[in-house]
Amino acid sequence: MSSLLLTVPTVEPISLAEAKAYLRVEHAADDDVIAALIAAARIHIEAQTRRALISQSWRIALDHWPVDGRMPVRPAPLQSLTAARVYDADSVAQTIDLQAFVIDAGNATLAFAPWALPQPGRIAAGIELDVVCGYGDAASDVPEPLRLAVRQLVAHWYDNRGLAAVGAVTVLPSAVGALIAPYRLLSL
């Protein structure tokens, strides 16, 4: 299974003004740097937690339907399924009725009857599912501990710019790890 980001978030979990207030920066000279740090912090926290903080569209490609009829969707949380396709041996897409799927938002899982769905004809990536993931469209939809983790990570990176040596392992502040720990989705 592979995932491809189709649509990036339209906002960040914290605004430039919020970040500047947290950093106690009153000038505009570093606005571009701070904005880049906000986006980088969001992406880093999303990667660490396997969650999408702000609504974004993803395409999930599968080789075959899971036998048990349950497919975890990452990143979580799962909001909706917007398209489902199966490709035949000639790589022609067949649209699947979205009513064939049940969204288990609590577990970020799609449930379906695999025997009732058409089987892919392509050996690889014969199934494509387009989903919307994330807590919502607004920064206020993101849980406050994750927003605080973004602020703290931005502050850490802002205060320590230029200190990383080539090949050095950078350590994140322990507070950031503690804030995101309850939101991490672990793989087995």
Protein backbone atom coordinates (compact mmCIF):
# COMPACT_ATOMS: atom_id res chain seq x y z
CA MET A 1 0.00 0.00 0.00
CA SER A 2 1.29 3.45 -0.88
CA SER A 3 -0.10 6.90 -0.23
CA LEU A 4 0.24 10.00 -2.39
CA LEU A 5 -0.64 13.49 -1.21
CA LEU A 6 -3.05 15.05 -3.72
CA THR A 7 -4.11 18.29 -2.04
CA VAL A 8 -2.07 20.11 0.58
CA PRO A 9 -3.72 21.88 3.51
CA THR A 10 -4.99 25.39 2.79
CA VAL A 11 -4.00 26.68 6.26
CA GLU A 12 -1.47 25.75 8.90
CA PRO A 13 -2.29 24.63 12.47
CA ILE A 14 -0.94 27.95 13.75
CA SER A 15 -0.85 31.30 12.00
CA LEU A 16 2.22 33.42 11.38
CA ALA A 17 0.90 35.91 13.95
CA GLU A 18 0.51 33.15 16.58
CA ALA A 19 4.02 31.89 15.91
CA LYS A 20 5.52 35.38 16.10
CA ALA A 21 3.70 36.06 19.38
CA TYR A 22 4.97 32.74 20.80
CA LEU A 23 8.50 33.57 19.65
CA ARG A 24 8.18 37.19 20.83
CA VAL A 25 9.26 38.42 17.41
CA GLU A 26 7.98 41.91 16.63
CA HIS A 27 9.67 42.55 13.26
CA ALA A 28 8.76 41.26 9.81
CA ALA A 29 12.30 40.44 8.66
CA ASP A 30 11.94 36.74 9.55
CA ASP A 31 8.35 36.23 8.39
CA ASP A 32 9.35 33.94 5.51
CA VAL A 33 11.60 31.87 7.76
CA ILE A 34 8.93 31.53 10.43
CA ALA A 35 6.27 30.59 7.85
CA ALA A 36 8.60 27.89 6.48
CA LEU A 37 9.26 26.61 10.00
CA ILE A 38 5.50 26.37 10.66
CA ALA A 39 4.99 24.24 7.55
CA ALA A 40 8.04 22.11 8.36
CA ALA A 41 6.88 21.60 11.96
CA ARG A 42 3.42 20.52 10.76
CA ILE A 43 4.93 18.06 8.28
CA HIS A 44 7.31 16.70 10.93
CA ILE A 45 4.54 16.18 13.47
CA GLU A 46 2.32 14.58 10.82
CA ALA A 47 5.14 12.17 9.96
CA GLN A 48 5.79 11.34 13.62
CA THR A 49 2.12 10.75 14.45
CA ARG A 50 0.93 9.39 11.08
CA ARG A 51 -1.92 11.91 11.32
CA ALA A 52 -2.98 14.79 9.09
CA LEU A 53 -3.45 17.89 11.18
CA ILE A 54 -5.40 19.94 8.61
CA SER A 55 -7.74 18.49 5.93
CA GLN A 56 -5.86 17.14 2.93
CA SER A 57 -6.59 14.72 0.09
CA TRP A 58 -4.63 11.50 -0.36
CA ARG A 59 -4.64 8.69 -2.93
CA ILE A 60 -4.06 5.21 -1.55
CA ALA A 61 -2.90 2.55 -4.00
CA LEU A 62 -3.31 -1.16 -3.27
CA ASP A 63 -2.31 -4.29 -5.15
CA HIS A 64 -5.29 -6.31 -3.86
CA TRP A 65 -8.22 -6.00 -1.45
CA PRO A 66 -7.43 -6.95 2.15
CA VAL A 67 -8.98 -10.38 2.82
CA ASP A 68 -10.59 -9.30 6.10
CA GLY A 69 -12.41 -6.39 4.43
CA ARG A 70 -10.83 -3.76 6.67
CA MET A 71 -8.23 -1.29 5.53
CA PRO A 72 -6.57 1.16 7.93
CA VAL A 73 -6.15 4.57 6.31
CA ARG A 74 -3.03 6.56 7.02
CA PRO A 75 -2.74 9.38 7.66
CA ALA A 76 -5.60 9.48 10.16
CA PRO A 77 -8.14 10.77 11.04
CA LEU A 78 -10.25 9.66 8.10
CA GLN A 79 -12.95 12.14 7.09
CA SER A 80 -14.33 10.76 3.84
CA LEU A 81 -13.82 8.54 0.83
CA THR A 82 -14.18 10.61 -2.34
CA ALA A 83 -13.35 8.11 -5.12
CA ALA A 84 -12.64 4.42 -5.62
CA ARG A 85 -11.27 2.80 -8.79
CA VAL A 86 -10.08 -0.61 -9.89
CA TYR A 87 -7.88 -1.02 -12.96
CA ASP A 88 -8.21 -3.93 -15.33
CA ALA A 89 -5.31 -5.67 -17.13
CA ASP A 90 -5.34 -2.93 -19.80
CA SER A 91 -5.08 -0.20 -17.12
CA VAL A 92 -8.61 0.99 -17.74
CA ALA A 93 -10.24 2.34 -14.59
CA GLN A 94 -13.59 1.05 -13.38
CA THR A 95 -15.32 3.32 -10.86
CA ILE A 96 -16.63 1.63 -7.72
CA ASP A 97 -19.78 2.84 -5.97
CA LEU A 98 -18.76 4.54 -2.72
CA GLN A 99 -21.77 2.95 -1.01
CA ALA A 100 -19.79 -0.31 -1.01
CA PHE A 101 -17.59 1.13 1.75
CA VAL A 102 -18.28 1.96 5.38
CA ILE A 103 -16.12 4.60 7.05
CA ASP A 104 -15.08 3.75 10.58
CA ALA A 105 -13.87 7.24 11.49
CA GLY A 106 -12.97 6.26 15.06
CA ASN A 107 -10.44 3.71 13.85
CA ALA A 108 -9.57 5.50 10.58
CA THR A 109 -10.56 2.36 8.70
CA LEU A 110 -12.53 1.56 5.58
CA ALA A 111 -14.71 -1.55 5.86
CA PHE A 112 -16.08 -3.41 2.84
CA ALA A 113 -16.98 -6.84 1.51
CA PRO A 114 -13.91 -7.78 -0.55
CA TRP A 115 -15.72 -10.62 -2.37
CA ALA A 116 -18.33 -8.13 -3.66
CA LEU A 117 -15.79 -5.76 -5.23
CA PRO A 118 -14.15 -6.17 -8.63
CA GLN A 119 -10.65 -7.59 -8.51
CA PRO A 120 -7.80 -5.60 -10.06
CA GLY A 121 -6.30 -6.78 -13.32
CA ARG A 122 -3.01 -4.96 -12.85
CA ILE A 123 -0.36 -6.67 -10.78
CA ALA A 124 0.64 -3.50 -8.93
CA ALA A 125 -1.45 -0.52 -7.82
CA GLY A 126 -4.61 -1.95 -9.34
CA ILE A 127 -6.80 -0.25 -6.74
CA GLU A 128 -6.94 3.48 -6.03
CA LEU A 129 -8.88 5.06 -3.19
CA ASP A 130 -9.05 8.83 -2.79
CA VAL A 131 -9.67 9.97 0.77
CA VAL A 132 -9.81 13.17 2.78
CA CYS A 133 -7.92 13.02 6.07
CA GLY A 134 -7.36 15.49 8.86
CA TYR A 135 -8.99 17.04 11.89
CA GLY A 136 -10.73 19.74 9.85
CA ASP A 137 -10.29 22.76 7.60
CA ALA A 138 -9.46 25.28 10.34
CA ALA A 139 -6.54 25.55 12.72
CA SER A 140 -9.01 25.50 15.61
CA ASP A 141 -10.03 21.94 14.60
CA VAL A 142 -6.57 20.61 15.50
CA PRO A 143 -6.24 19.32 19.09
CA GLU A 144 -4.51 21.93 21.24
CA PRO A 145 -1.62 19.63 22.32
CA LEU A 146 -0.66 19.19 18.64
CA ARG A 147 -0.91 22.95 18.02
CA LEU A 148 1.33 23.53 21.05
CA ALA A 149 3.79 20.95 19.71
CA VAL A 150 3.94 22.89 16.42
CA ARG A 151 4.59 26.15 18.32
CA GLN A 152 7.32 24.54 20.44
CA LEU A 153 9.00 22.92 17.46
CA VAL A 154 8.96 26.21 15.55
CA ALA A 155 10.50 27.94 18.57
CA HIS A 156 13.17 25.26 18.93
CA TRP A 157 14.12 25.43 15.27
CA TYR A 158 14.00 29.23 15.21
CA ASP A 159 16.24 29.53 18.29
CA ASN A 160 18.69 26.91 17.02
CA ARG A 161 19.00 27.77 13.33
CA GLY A 162 22.42 27.23 11.93
CA LEU A 163 23.61 25.10 14.84
CA ALA A 164 23.21 21.71 13.15
CA ALA A 165 26.44 20.28 11.77
CA VAL A 166 26.52 18.10 8.67
CA GLY A 167 25.70 14.55 9.69
CA ALA A 168 24.69 15.57 13.21
CA VAL A 169 21.64 13.98 14.77
CA THR A 170 19.27 16.65 15.98
CA VAL A 171 17.30 15.95 19.12
CA LEU A 172 13.80 17.31 19.46
CA PRO A 173 12.73 18.92 22.69
CA SER A 174 11.29 16.31 25.04
CA ALA A 175 8.18 18.43 25.51
CA VAL A 176 7.33 18.04 21.81
CA GLY A 177 7.68 14.27 22.05
CA ALA A 178 5.50 14.20 25.14
CA LEU A 179 2.81 16.32 23.48
CA ILE A 180 2.57 14.16 20.38
CA ALA A 181 2.99 10.78 22.10
CA PRO A 182 -0.74 10.20 22.77
CA TYR A 183 -1.51 10.90 19.10
CA ARG A 184 1.04 8.53 17.55
CA LEU A 185 -0.31 5.69 15.47
CA LEU A 186 2.12 2.83 15.72
CA SER A 187 2.53 0.15 13.10
CA LEU A 188 2.99 -3.46 14.02
